[in-house]
Amino acid sequence: MKKIAFCLSLLLSILMVSCGGDDDYDPIDDDDIQPPSAPQNLTASNITETTVDLSWDAATDNVAVTGYSVFQDGVEIQTNVSTTTLTITGLTEETTYAFSVKAFDAAGNSSAFSNTVNPTTSEAPFGFRDSLSQMEIFTGALSDLTPANGVQLYELNSTLFTDYTTKQRLIKLPEGTALQYNGNDLLPDFPDETLIAKTFYYNLDDTNPSLGKQIIETRVFLKIEGSWQAGNYIWNDTQTEATYTEAGNEIPISYIDSNGDTQEVDYLIPSKQDCFTCHNNNGQTFPIGMKLRSMNFTPSYTGQNQLEFFIANGLLEGLGDPSSVSVLPDWTDDVNFDIFERGRAYIDINCAHCHRPGSSVPPEFDMDFRLETPYADTKIYDKRFSIEARFSATIPGYRMPQLGRTVVHEEALTMLMEYLQEIEQPE
């Protein structure tokens, strides 16, 4: 028993010596750990429509900073940044953002936030975007083809034939500008940054358009620094988006026409070069359809003369009385226009952009199909048999027009045959 008591006493003495007194106890205190200081002088530079460069100064205390976290509008977007600079990408144009930065050490302790910077991304230069939705031509669901604010619908009284497609025509002028009447009934003067868009589609069933449509392409003209540029957007199968392309393509189309018959069309989408073939004169690109004489009528959407509508809404200036502008005859109207007016109108809108001086057609063909050209100078009579044959044909390279159609425009051909039989040799 004495040995046991001695051992216990010795053990107790050892424990007391090893532990020491209360005055010598020094536990670790979390409050003594110093986090990194906040980064200083955060700045934003090189701001574009989609990117911004951030830079900041590191803390000058003795805590070893191992990296930084970057926050955008309060949300951490980048961690483990090892330098004091970072380029932020994927931003939206004309948008203000809030950026801040935190530092952290090896133990994961973070600093307070740096100062906040609020850069605003710039507006993208006027031009073509990768997708149609980025062009801001339409609002709401893209396939509804609802014009966006500031985008104006317009119509033509005699239109170019494109394999029986339906077309929606739109124009957008820069805010505070207008088309300018220049004294003739052809194209007005367009301000820079004008956008003209034409969307091509088929109703799935012309006897019941409410069943929906198949949208194929939206062709866009932009006036940039005094010159027109052409671009094309091809719609996807789900009709949710259209993508910019410069390549042509062929798309099989099936639809039910107004007679209830199923029609099959191998629709041809033009390439960028095809656009220049038609929209070119003396090396300059230009619109074809939006001539004032083609707009001088009352379309379905206005209830009044279209030129008067444009004037009243600040879209056309310099023209006092639309009645001073001539009218391109509607080739389908056999009540108000005779066969000679209708024939010339159809040939003008479908052929004259190529068959005129300065066009892509070689000059040795020596034809000028413009409506304003005196009949004796057009060479229509001399070419009447060729006109009928080529309008009746579908053979690539021989048919006329060569671009924009693969099937015969039957109703127009009937009218043209009558016209070509009625015309006489000019004196």
Protein backbone atom coordinates (compact mmCIF):
# COMPACT_ATOMS: atom_id res chain seq x y z
CA MET A 1 0.00 0.00 0.00
CA LYS A 2 2.88 2.37 0.84
CA LYS A 3 4.40 1.71 -2.60
CA ILE A 4 1.08 2.55 -4.31
CA ALA A 5 0.69 5.77 -2.35
CA PHE A 6 4.24 6.82 -3.21
CA CYS A 7 3.71 6.22 -6.90
CA LEU A 8 0.52 8.26 -6.94
CA SER A 9 2.24 11.12 -5.18
CA LEU A 10 5.14 11.06 -7.61
CA LEU A 11 2.81 11.04 -10.62
CA LEU A 12 0.89 14.02 -9.29
CA SER A 13 4.13 15.95 -8.80
CA ILE A 14 5.23 15.27 -12.36
CA LEU A 15 1.89 16.45 -13.74
CA MET A 16 2.01 19.67 -11.78
CA VAL A 17 5.54 20.46 -12.94
CA SER A 18 4.79 19.71 -16.60
CA CYS A 19 1.58 21.74 -16.70
CA GLY A 20 2.97 24.73 -14.87
CA GLY A 21 0.86 27.40 -13.21
CA ASP A 22 -2.18 29.22 -14.50
CA ASP A 23 -0.10 32.32 -15.20
CA ASP A 24 1.95 30.44 -17.81
CA TYR A 25 -1.08 29.15 -19.89
CA ASP A 26 -1.21 30.75 -23.41
CA PRO A 27 -3.96 29.27 -25.66
CA ILE A 28 -4.32 30.27 -29.39
CA ASP A 29 -6.72 33.25 -29.76
CA ASP A 30 -8.61 33.46 -33.12
CA ASP A 31 -8.94 37.22 -32.66
CA ASP A 32 -5.19 37.53 -33.00
CA ILE A 33 -5.22 36.24 -36.66
CA GLN A 34 -4.93 39.20 -39.08
CA PRO A 35 -6.68 38.80 -42.47
CA PRO A 36 -5.17 40.44 -45.55
CA SER A 37 -5.81 44.11 -46.09
CA ALA A 38 -8.27 45.05 -48.80
CA PRO A 39 -6.87 45.71 -52.29
CA GLN A 40 -6.60 49.40 -53.11
CA ASN A 41 -7.16 51.68 -56.09
CA LEU A 42 -9.31 49.35 -58.21
CA THR A 43 -9.71 50.91 -61.67
CA ALA A 44 -11.45 50.01 -64.95
CA SER A 45 -9.90 50.76 -68.36
CA ASN A 46 -10.00 49.75 -72.04
CA ILE A 47 -13.79 49.54 -71.92
CA THR A 48 -15.45 48.15 -75.06
CA GLU A 49 -18.99 46.99 -75.78
CA THR A 50 -18.28 43.52 -74.26
CA THR A 51 -15.04 43.76 -72.23
CA VAL A 52 -13.33 45.78 -69.49
CA ASP A 53 -9.84 45.61 -67.96
CA LEU A 54 -9.60 45.73 -64.15
CA SER A 55 -6.42 46.53 -62.20
CA TRP A 56 -5.72 47.15 -58.50
CA ASP A 57 -2.91 47.64 -55.98
CA ALA A 58 -1.97 44.83 -53.60
CA ALA A 59 -2.00 45.36 -49.81
CA THR A 60 1.24 46.65 -48.27
CA ASP A 61 0.96 44.85 -44.88
CA ASN A 62 2.95 41.82 -43.79
CA VAL A 63 0.26 39.24 -44.51
CA ALA A 64 1.13 37.01 -47.46
CA VAL A 65 -1.65 37.35 -50.07
CA THR A 66 -1.93 34.26 -52.24
CA GLY A 67 -4.72 35.38 -54.57
CA TYR A 68 -7.74 37.54 -55.29
CA SER A 69 -11.45 37.09 -55.93
CA VAL A 70 -13.29 39.39 -58.34
CA PHE A 71 -16.95 40.25 -57.88
CA GLN A 72 -19.43 41.51 -60.49
CA ASP A 73 -22.59 43.11 -59.12
CA GLY A 74 -21.96 41.40 -55.79
CA VAL A 75 -21.47 37.93 -57.24
CA GLU A 76 -18.06 36.23 -57.28
CA ILE A 77 -17.14 35.62 -60.93
CA GLN A 78 -13.44 34.78 -60.66
CA THR A 79 -11.30 33.28 -57.87
CA ASN A 80 -7.66 32.36 -57.45
CA VAL A 81 -6.56 35.34 -59.52
CA SER A 82 -2.79 35.40 -59.00
CA THR A 83 -2.10 38.84 -60.51
CA THR A 84 -3.48 42.31 -59.87
CA THR A 85 -5.11 42.62 -63.31
CA LEU A 86 -8.00 40.83 -65.01
CA THR A 87 -9.90 41.25 -68.29
CA ILE A 88 -13.66 40.70 -67.94
CA THR A 89 -15.37 39.41 -71.10
CA GLY A 90 -18.88 38.51 -72.24
CA LEU A 91 -20.48 41.75 -71.12
CA THR A 92 -23.52 43.41 -72.70
CA GLU A 93 -23.15 46.64 -74.62
CA GLU A 94 -24.39 49.91 -73.09
CA THR A 95 -24.67 48.35 -69.61
CA THR A 96 -23.30 49.61 -66.28
CA TYR A 97 -21.62 47.08 -63.98
CA ALA A 98 -20.25 47.14 -60.40
CA PHE A 99 -16.87 45.44 -59.84
CA SER A 100 -14.93 44.91 -56.61
CA VAL A 101 -12.07 42.70 -55.40
CA LYS A 102 -11.10 40.77 -52.25
CA ALA A 103 -7.69 39.35 -51.28
CA PHE A 104 -7.16 36.06 -49.45
CA ASP A 105 -4.25 34.25 -47.82
CA ALA A 106 -3.09 30.63 -47.72
CA ALA A 107 -5.44 29.84 -44.85
CA GLY A 108 -8.43 31.07 -46.81
CA ASN A 109 -8.90 34.27 -44.82
CA SER A 110 -10.31 37.04 -47.00
CA SER A 111 -9.97 40.78 -46.86
CA ALA A 112 -12.68 43.37 -46.93
CA PHE A 113 -13.85 44.55 -50.34
CA SER A 114 -11.81 46.99 -52.34
CA ASN A 115 -13.37 50.14 -53.63
CA THR A 116 -16.10 49.60 -56.27
CA VAL A 117 -15.83 50.73 -59.89
CA ASN A 118 -18.87 51.17 -62.16
CA PRO A 119 -17.83 51.08 -65.82
CA THR A 120 -20.45 51.34 -68.58
CA THR A 121 -19.77 49.30 -71.69
CA SER A 122 -19.79 51.19 -74.97
CA GLU A 123 -22.26 50.92 -77.82
CA ALA A 124 -21.23 48.46 -80.51
CA PRO A 125 -20.40 50.09 -83.85
CA PHE A 126 -23.27 50.17 -86.34
CA GLY A 127 -22.99 47.01 -88.39
CA PHE A 128 -23.94 43.39 -88.70
CA ARG A 129 -24.11 41.14 -85.62
CA ASP A 130 -23.73 37.37 -85.45
CA SER A 131 -27.44 36.76 -84.84
CA LEU A 132 -30.66 38.45 -85.95
CA SER A 133 -31.86 38.99 -82.38
CA GLN A 134 -28.79 41.16 -81.75
CA MET A 135 -29.84 43.45 -84.60
CA GLU A 136 -32.88 44.56 -82.55
CA ILE A 137 -35.19 44.63 -85.57
CA PHE A 138 -37.95 42.66 -83.84
CA THR A 139 -39.41 42.63 -80.34
CA GLY A 140 -40.89 39.73 -78.41
CA ALA A 141 -40.71 36.23 -79.84
CA LEU A 142 -38.56 36.53 -82.95
CA SER A 143 -40.85 34.35 -85.08
CA ASP A 144 -43.78 36.72 -84.50
CA LEU A 145 -41.92 39.26 -86.69
CA THR A 146 -43.17 42.14 -84.56
CA PRO A 147 -41.23 45.30 -85.47
CA ALA A 148 -39.26 46.77 -82.58
CA ASN A 149 -39.71 50.35 -81.42
CA GLY A 150 -38.54 52.71 -84.15
CA VAL A 151 -38.77 50.08 -86.90
CA GLN A 152 -41.33 50.94 -89.59
CA LEU A 153 -43.23 48.58 -91.85
CA TYR A 154 -43.55 49.56 -95.51
CA GLU A 155 -45.06 47.98 -98.64
CA LEU A 156 -44.56 48.19 -102.40
CA ASN A 157 -47.36 48.32 -104.94
CA SER A 158 -45.58 46.03 -107.43
CA THR A 159 -43.12 43.51 -106.07
CA LEU A 160 -40.22 41.33 -107.13
CA PHE A 161 -41.15 37.66 -107.58
CA THR A 162 -39.31 35.14 -105.37
CA ASP A 163 -40.87 31.70 -105.80
CA TYR A 164 -44.19 32.80 -104.28
CA THR A 165 -42.73 33.74 -100.90
CA THR A 166 -44.42 36.21 -98.62
CA LYS A 167 -42.22 39.16 -97.64
CA GLN A 168 -42.21 41.57 -94.75
CA ARG A 169 -40.40 44.86 -95.43
CA LEU A 170 -39.05 47.08 -92.66
CA ILE A 171 -36.94 50.23 -92.35
CA LYS A 172 -35.23 51.74 -89.31
CA LEU A 173 -33.82 55.27 -89.42
CA PRO A 174 -31.48 56.75 -86.82
CA GLU A 175 -33.36 58.72 -84.19
CA GLY A 176 -34.02 62.29 -85.26
CA THR A 177 -33.44 61.64 -88.98
CA ALA A 178 -35.67 61.13 -92.01
CA LEU A 179 -35.58 60.12 -95.65
CA GLN A 180 -34.96 63.16 -97.84
CA TYR A 181 -36.87 63.82 -101.05
CA ASN A 182 -34.31 64.70 -103.73
CA GLY A 183 -36.65 65.84 -106.49
CA ASN A 184 -37.32 62.57 -108.30
CA ASP A 185 -39.62 59.62 -107.82
CA LEU A 186 -36.87 57.02 -107.42
CA LEU A 187 -34.79 56.35 -104.30
CA PRO A 188 -34.81 59.11 -101.67
CA ASP A 189 -31.62 60.09 -99.84
CA PHE A 190 -31.06 57.79 -96.87
CA PRO A 191 -29.22 58.97 -93.74
CA ASP A 192 -26.19 57.05 -92.53
CA GLU A 193 -27.02 54.13 -90.24
CA THR A 194 -30.27 53.36 -92.07
CA LEU A 195 -31.35 49.72 -91.81
CA ILE A 196 -33.61 48.06 -94.38
CA ALA A 197 -34.78 44.49 -93.72
CA LYS A 198 -36.78 42.04 -95.82
CA THR A 199 -37.93 38.72 -94.35
CA PHE A 200 -38.95 35.84 -96.64
CA TYR A 201 -41.34 33.13 -95.50
CA TYR A 202 -44.05 30.71 -96.60
CA ASN A 203 -47.34 30.15 -94.85
CA LEU A 204 -47.61 26.46 -94.07
CA ASP A 205 -51.07 26.68 -95.60
CA ASP A 206 -52.12 29.72 -97.62
CA THR A 207 -55.77 28.75 -97.15
CA ASN A 208 -55.29 29.12 -93.38
CA PRO A 209 -52.33 31.39 -92.49
CA SER A 210 -53.07 30.99 -88.76
CA LEU A 211 -51.47 27.53 -88.95
CA GLY A 212 -48.08 29.20 -88.94
CA LYS A 213 -45.24 29.95 -91.29
CA GLN A 214 -41.78 28.79 -92.21
CA ILE A 215 -39.39 31.72 -92.10
CA ILE A 216 -36.33 31.23 -94.29
CA GLU A 217 -34.18 34.34 -94.37
CA THR A 218 -33.99 37.99 -93.39
CA ARG A 219 -31.93 40.10 -95.77
CA VAL A 220 -30.53 43.29 -94.27
CA PHE A 221 -29.12 46.41 -95.91
CA LEU A 222 -27.10 48.87 -93.81
CA LYS A 223 -25.87 52.28 -94.87
CA ILE A 224 -22.43 52.73 -93.28
CA GLU A 225 -20.38 55.88 -93.88
CA GLY A 226 -22.20 56.65 -97.12
CA SER A 227 -22.13 53.14 -98.61
CA TRP A 228 -24.64 50.31 -98.55
CA GLN A 229 -23.63 46.89 -97.26
CA ALA A 230 -25.69 43.71 -97.63
CA GLY A 231 -25.98 40.85 -95.16
CA ASN A 232 -28.22 37.83 -94.71
CA TYR A 233 -29.60 35.95 -91.70
CA ILE A 234 -30.73 32.33 -92.11
CA TRP A 235 -33.42 31.08 -89.72
CA ASN A 236 -33.02 27.85 -87.76
CA ASP A 237 -35.49 24.97 -87.89
CA THR A 238 -37.11 25.94 -84.57
CA GLN A 239 -37.70 29.50 -85.82
CA THR A 240 -36.11 30.93 -82.67
CA GLU A 241 -33.05 32.60 -84.21
CA ALA A 242 -31.35 33.49 -87.47
CA THR A 243 -27.60 33.50 -88.04
CA TYR A 244 -25.51 35.80 -90.20
CA THR A 245 -24.03 34.14 -93.27
CA GLU A 246 -22.37 35.14 -96.52
CA ALA A 247 -22.83 31.74 -98.18
CA GLY A 248 -25.72 30.72 -100.40
CA ASN A 249 -27.81 27.61 -99.79
CA GLU A 250 -30.71 25.57 -101.13
CA ILE A 251 -33.60 24.64 -98.83
CA PRO A 252 -36.46 22.29 -99.76
CA ILE A 253 -39.84 23.83 -98.98
CA SER A 254 -43.28 22.26 -98.94
CA TYR A 255 -46.43 24.33 -98.48
CA ILE A 256 -50.11 24.39 -99.43
CA ASP A 257 -51.02 27.16 -101.86
CA SER A 258 -54.19 29.24 -101.99
CA ASN A 259 -55.86 26.60 -104.19
CA GLY A 260 -55.23 23.92 -101.58
CA ASP A 261 -52.51 22.22 -103.64
CA THR A 262 -49.20 21.11 -102.13
CA GLN A 263 -46.22 22.83 -103.69
CA GLU A 264 -42.56 21.77 -103.48
CA VAL A 265 -39.87 24.41 -103.93
CA ASP A 266 -36.08 24.14 -103.79
CA TYR A 267 -35.67 27.62 -102.39
CA LEU A 268 -32.38 29.33 -103.23
CA ILE A 269 -30.77 31.54 -100.58
CA PRO A 270 -28.42 34.00 -102.29
CA SER A 271 -24.77 34.36 -101.40
CA LYS A 272 -23.24 37.74 -100.59
CA GLN A 273 -21.91 37.87 -104.16
CA ASP A 274 -25.41 37.13 -105.52
CA CYS A 275 -26.67 40.19 -103.62
CA PHE A 276 -24.06 42.38 -105.30
CA THR A 277 -25.00 40.96 -108.72
CA CYS A 278 -28.46 42.51 -108.48
CA HIS A 279 -27.89 45.40 -106.05
CA ASN A 280 -25.06 46.97 -108.01
CA ASN A 281 -24.64 49.79 -110.47
CA ASN A 282 -21.34 51.27 -111.57
CA GLY A 283 -19.64 49.48 -108.69
CA GLN A 284 -21.98 50.90 -106.04
CA THR A 285 -24.41 48.86 -103.93
CA PHE A 286 -27.95 50.21 -103.59
CA PRO A 287 -31.49 49.15 -102.56
CA ILE A 288 -33.89 48.16 -105.33
CA GLY A 289 -37.46 48.31 -104.11
CA MET A 290 -37.83 51.37 -101.91
CA LYS A 291 -38.40 53.89 -104.67
CA LEU A 292 -40.92 56.62 -103.87
CA ARG A 293 -43.05 55.75 -106.93
CA SER A 294 -43.31 52.17 -105.62
CA MET A 295 -44.53 53.46 -102.24
CA ASN A 296 -46.99 56.02 -103.61
CA PHE A 297 -50.20 54.14 -102.88
CA THR A 298 -52.41 53.17 -99.94
CA PRO A 299 -51.22 49.91 -98.37
CA SER A 300 -53.19 47.76 -95.96
CA TYR A 301 -51.40 48.86 -92.80
CA THR A 302 -51.94 52.65 -93.04
CA GLY A 303 -55.42 53.44 -94.35
CA GLN A 304 -53.85 56.44 -96.12
CA ASN A 305 -51.32 57.11 -98.84
CA GLN A 306 -48.02 55.63 -97.70
CA LEU A 307 -45.93 58.68 -98.60
CA GLU A 308 -48.38 60.88 -96.69
CA PHE A 309 -48.03 58.49 -93.75
CA PHE A 310 -44.24 58.72 -93.85
CA ILE A 311 -44.38 62.53 -94.03
CA ALA A 312 -46.88 62.78 -91.16
CA ASN A 313 -44.74 60.54 -88.97
CA GLY A 314 -41.50 62.37 -89.63
CA LEU A 315 -40.00 59.62 -91.77
CA LEU A 316 -39.85 61.60 -95.04
CA GLU A 317 -38.92 65.25 -95.47
CA GLY A 318 -38.73 67.66 -98.39
CA LEU A 319 -41.83 66.38 -100.21
CA GLY A 320 -44.85 68.66 -99.99
CA ASP A 321 -47.41 66.80 -102.10
CA PRO A 322 -47.12 63.06 -102.86
CA SER A 323 -49.30 63.58 -105.95
CA SER A 324 -46.26 65.16 -107.59
CA VAL A 325 -44.57 61.74 -107.45
CA SER A 326 -45.44 59.23 -110.17
CA VAL A 327 -46.87 55.81 -109.35
CA LEU A 328 -45.39 52.48 -110.37
CA PRO A 329 -48.37 50.57 -111.78
CA ASP A 330 -49.51 47.47 -109.97
CA TRP A 331 -49.05 44.78 -112.61
CA THR A 332 -51.89 42.73 -111.08
CA ASP A 333 -54.39 45.60 -111.41
CA ASP A 334 -56.10 45.20 -114.79
CA VAL A 335 -58.81 47.72 -113.87
CA ASN A 336 -56.77 50.87 -113.36
CA PHE A 337 -53.83 50.06 -115.64
CA ASP A 338 -53.68 48.84 -119.21
CA ILE A 339 -51.54 45.94 -120.43
CA PHE A 340 -48.72 48.23 -121.54
CA GLU A 341 -48.42 49.86 -118.11
CA ARG A 342 -48.61 46.51 -116.34
CA GLY A 343 -46.04 44.86 -118.58
CA ARG A 344 -43.54 47.69 -118.20
CA ALA A 345 -44.05 47.75 -114.42
CA TYR A 346 -43.37 44.04 -114.03
CA ILE A 347 -40.28 44.14 -116.23
CA ASP A 348 -39.02 47.18 -114.32
CA ILE A 349 -39.24 45.65 -110.84
CA ASN A 350 -38.05 42.18 -111.86
CA CYS A 351 -35.46 42.91 -114.52
CA ALA A 352 -34.33 46.54 -114.67
CA HIS A 353 -31.86 46.36 -111.78
CA CYS A 354 -29.69 44.15 -114.02
CA HIS A 355 -30.81 45.22 -117.50
CA ARG A 356 -29.70 48.85 -117.36
CA PRO A 357 -26.51 50.81 -118.04
CA GLY A 358 -23.79 50.27 -115.43
CA SER A 359 -25.17 46.97 -114.15
CA SER A 360 -23.58 43.54 -113.89
CA VAL A 361 -24.97 42.55 -117.31
CA PRO A 362 -22.34 43.00 -120.04
CA PRO A 363 -23.00 46.16 -122.09
CA GLU A 364 -23.12 44.26 -125.38
CA PHE A 365 -26.61 43.04 -124.45
CA ASP A 366 -27.68 46.69 -124.88
CA MET A 367 -30.99 46.61 -122.99
CA ASP A 368 -32.49 49.14 -120.62
CA PHE A 369 -35.68 47.88 -118.99
CA ARG A 370 -36.18 50.78 -116.55
CA LEU A 371 -39.69 52.20 -116.50
CA GLU A 372 -38.39 55.73 -117.01
CA THR A 373 -36.56 54.72 -120.20
CA PRO A 374 -38.51 55.59 -123.38
CA TYR A 375 -40.00 52.45 -124.90
CA ALA A 376 -38.02 52.88 -128.13
CA ASP A 377 -34.76 52.73 -126.16
CA THR A 378 -35.55 49.67 -124.06
CA LYS A 379 -35.04 47.00 -126.80
CA ILE A 380 -38.00 45.12 -125.30
CA TYR A 381 -39.55 44.66 -128.73
CA ASP A 382 -36.31 43.30 -130.18
CA LYS A 383 -35.96 40.84 -127.28
CA ARG A 384 -39.63 39.88 -126.97
CA PHE A 385 -39.17 36.24 -128.01
CA SER A 386 -36.19 35.81 -125.73
CA ILE A 387 -38.10 37.42 -122.86
CA GLU A 388 -40.99 34.98 -123.26
CA ALA A 389 -38.69 31.95 -123.56
CA ARG A 390 -36.56 32.84 -120.57
CA PHE A 391 -39.54 33.69 -118.37
CA SER A 392 -41.04 30.30 -119.28
CA ALA A 393 -37.83 28.41 -118.42
CA THR A 394 -36.53 27.03 -115.13
CA ILE A 395 -33.09 25.94 -116.42
CA PRO A 396 -30.35 27.54 -114.28
CA GLY A 397 -28.30 30.00 -116.30
CA TYR A 398 -31.01 30.41 -118.94
CA ARG A 399 -34.13 31.34 -116.98
CA MET A 400 -34.85 34.99 -116.28
CA PRO A 401 -34.49 36.33 -113.74
CA GLN A 402 -31.55 34.03 -113.08
CA LEU A 403 -31.47 34.73 -109.35
CA GLY A 404 -34.36 34.64 -106.92
CA ARG A 405 -36.56 32.09 -108.61
CA THR A 406 -36.65 28.39 -109.48
CA VAL A 407 -40.29 28.07 -110.58
CA VAL A 408 -42.32 29.85 -113.26
CA HIS A 409 -44.39 32.84 -112.17
CA GLU A 410 -47.44 31.58 -114.00
CA GLU A 411 -49.78 34.55 -113.47
CA ALA A 412 -47.11 37.03 -114.53
CA LEU A 413 -46.16 34.93 -117.56
CA THR A 414 -49.76 35.00 -118.78
CA MET A 415 -49.80 38.79 -118.48
CA LEU A 416 -46.36 39.16 -120.11
CA MET A 417 -47.32 37.00 -123.09
CA GLU A 418 -50.28 39.27 -123.69
CA TYR A 419 -48.07 42.35 -123.35
CA LEU A 420 -45.40 41.02 -125.71
CA GLN A 421 -48.03 40.21 -128.30
CA GLU A 422 -49.58 43.69 -128.07
CA ILE A 423 -46.44 45.78 -128.31
CA GLU A 424 -45.36 47.15 -131.67
CA GLN A 425 -42.02 47.90 -133.18
CA PRO A 426 -40.98 51.40 -132.16
CA GLU A 427 -40.74 53.95 -134.95
